[in-house]
Amino acid sequence: MESEEAILALGALAQSTRLEAFRLLAANEPEGLAAGAIAEALAVPQNTMSSHLAILARAGLINAQRRSRSIVYRADLKRFQEVTLFLIKDCCGGRPELCAPLIADLQPCCSPKESADV
């Protein structure tokens, strides 16, 4: 990822409504949410939400797909991973023990679910 792409993505998330919209979409993966449902959940007028969603889409953080009369939005978690990795890639300066607490904090929320037959 180039710096300009990271700046675009981080800039898109640097606004409270867009950040909450992205978090809502990430929480609703892989189904996604219709634009109207996002606007309703965040108590934002639909035309305003449309502008926010367009900014997130231009940054590559969300994708839209038309389903019948609705547009369903989904978080692009791969792109978010790229942004996150861009931020922490060189944070350790060659000393992985410095990033170990960060990695440990990420694992509890993102651990794969154990299957019932284990």
Protein backbone atom coordinates (compact mmCIF):
# COMPACT_ATOMS: atom_id res chain seq x y z
CA MET A 1 0.00 0.00 0.00
CA GLU A 2 1.23 3.48 -0.84
CA SER A 3 1.13 6.37 1.61
CA GLU A 4 -1.48 8.21 -0.48
CA GLU A 5 -3.86 5.25 -0.30
CA ALA A 6 -3.43 5.01 3.46
CA ILE A 7 -4.02 8.74 3.85
CA LEU A 8 -7.22 8.49 1.78
CA ALA A 9 -8.50 5.58 3.90
CA LEU A 10 -7.55 7.17 7.21
CA GLY A 11 -9.05 10.48 6.12
CA ALA A 12 -12.31 8.72 5.29
CA LEU A 13 -12.39 7.21 8.78
CA ALA A 14 -11.45 10.50 10.45
CA GLN A 15 -15.07 11.61 10.78
CA SER A 16 -17.42 10.25 13.43
CA THR A 17 -20.36 9.24 11.19
CA ARG A 18 -18.11 7.51 8.66
CA LEU A 19 -16.19 5.73 11.40
CA GLU A 20 -19.43 4.48 12.96
CA ALA A 21 -20.78 3.44 9.56
CA PHE A 22 -17.62 1.44 8.83
CA ARG A 23 -17.74 -0.20 12.26
CA LEU A 24 -21.42 -1.05 11.76
CA LEU A 25 -20.69 -2.61 8.38
CA ALA A 26 -17.72 -4.56 9.76
CA ALA A 27 -19.98 -5.92 12.50
CA ASN A 28 -22.50 -7.01 9.86
CA GLU A 29 -20.11 -8.94 7.66
CA PRO A 30 -20.61 -10.85 5.44
CA GLU A 31 -24.27 -9.93 4.88
CA GLY A 32 -23.82 -6.17 4.73
CA LEU A 33 -26.55 -3.59 5.21
CA ALA A 34 -28.78 -1.56 2.95
CA ALA A 35 -28.03 2.15 2.83
CA GLY A 36 -31.35 2.99 4.49
CA ALA A 37 -30.66 0.60 7.37
CA ILE A 38 -27.28 2.22 7.95
CA ALA A 39 -28.81 5.70 7.97
CA GLU A 40 -31.55 4.56 10.36
CA ALA A 41 -29.14 2.79 12.72
CA LEU A 42 -26.96 5.89 12.95
CA ALA A 43 -29.87 8.39 12.95
CA VAL A 44 -28.47 10.23 9.92
CA PRO A 45 -30.56 11.56 7.02
CA GLN A 46 -30.33 9.25 4.00
CA ASN A 47 -28.88 11.89 1.66
CA THR A 48 -26.17 12.72 4.21
CA MET A 49 -25.42 9.02 4.72
CA SER A 50 -25.16 8.58 0.97
CA SER A 51 -22.37 11.18 0.88
CA HIS A 52 -20.55 9.50 3.75
CA LEU A 53 -20.84 6.08 2.10
CA ALA A 54 -19.50 7.49 -1.17
CA ILE A 55 -16.40 8.78 0.65
CA LEU A 56 -15.81 5.39 2.27
CA ALA A 57 -16.28 3.69 -1.10
CA ARG A 58 -13.79 6.02 -2.84
CA ALA A 59 -11.28 5.15 -0.13
CA GLY A 60 -11.83 1.46 -0.90
CA LEU A 61 -13.08 0.66 2.59
CA ILE A 62 -16.57 -0.43 1.55
CA ASN A 63 -18.21 -1.96 -1.51
CA ALA A 64 -21.74 -1.52 -2.80
CA GLN A 65 -23.94 -4.00 -4.59
CA ARG A 66 -27.41 -3.39 -5.97
CA ARG A 67 -29.97 -5.92 -4.74
CA SER A 68 -33.36 -5.29 -6.26
CA ARG A 69 -34.26 -1.72 -5.24
CA SER A 70 -31.67 -1.45 -2.49
CA ILE A 71 -27.95 -0.84 -2.46
CA VAL A 72 -26.26 -3.10 0.06
CA TYR A 73 -22.92 -2.02 1.48
CA ARG A 74 -20.22 -4.28 2.88
CA ALA A 75 -16.99 -3.47 4.65
CA ASP A 76 -13.89 -4.38 2.67
CA LEU A 77 -12.02 -6.05 5.51
CA LYS A 78 -9.09 -6.97 3.26
CA ARG A 79 -8.55 -3.30 2.48
CA PHE A 80 -8.86 -2.43 6.18
CA GLN A 81 -6.25 -5.10 6.92
CA GLU A 82 -3.93 -3.49 4.36
CA VAL A 83 -4.35 -0.09 6.03
CA THR A 84 -3.74 -1.55 9.48
CA LEU A 85 -0.67 -3.46 8.34
CA PHE A 86 0.64 -0.32 6.64
CA LEU A 87 0.43 1.48 9.98
CA ILE A 88 2.19 -1.17 12.03
CA LYS A 89 4.53 -2.70 9.44
CA ASP A 90 7.67 -0.97 10.64
CA CYS A 91 6.52 -0.01 14.13
CA CYS A 92 8.85 -2.46 15.82
CA GLY A 93 12.06 -1.28 14.19
CA GLY A 94 13.14 -4.90 13.81
CA ARG A 95 12.21 -5.72 17.41
CA PRO A 96 9.04 -7.85 17.33
CA GLU A 97 8.76 -7.89 21.13
CA LEU A 98 7.69 -4.24 20.95
CA CYS A 99 4.61 -5.13 18.89
CA ALA A 100 3.76 -8.29 20.84
CA PRO A 101 1.30 -6.49 23.17
CA LEU A 102 -0.52 -4.99 20.18
CA ILE A 103 -0.82 -8.38 18.50
CA ALA A 104 -1.98 -9.99 21.75
CA ASP A 105 -4.71 -7.34 22.14
CA LEU A 106 -6.00 -8.05 18.62
CA GLN A 107 -6.26 -11.80 19.02
CA PRO A 108 -9.12 -12.10 21.58
CA CYS A 109 -11.56 -10.26 19.33
CA CYS A 110 -10.48 -11.98 16.16
CA SER A 111 -9.81 -15.59 17.17
CA PRO A 112 -11.53 -18.17 14.99
CA LYS A 113 -14.54 -19.74 16.63
CA GLU A 114 -13.96 -23.28 17.83
CA SER A 115 -16.12 -25.90 16.21
CA ALA A 116 -18.59 -27.81 18.40
CA ASP A 117 -16.95 -31.16 17.65
CA VAL A 118 -13.53 -30.26 19.06
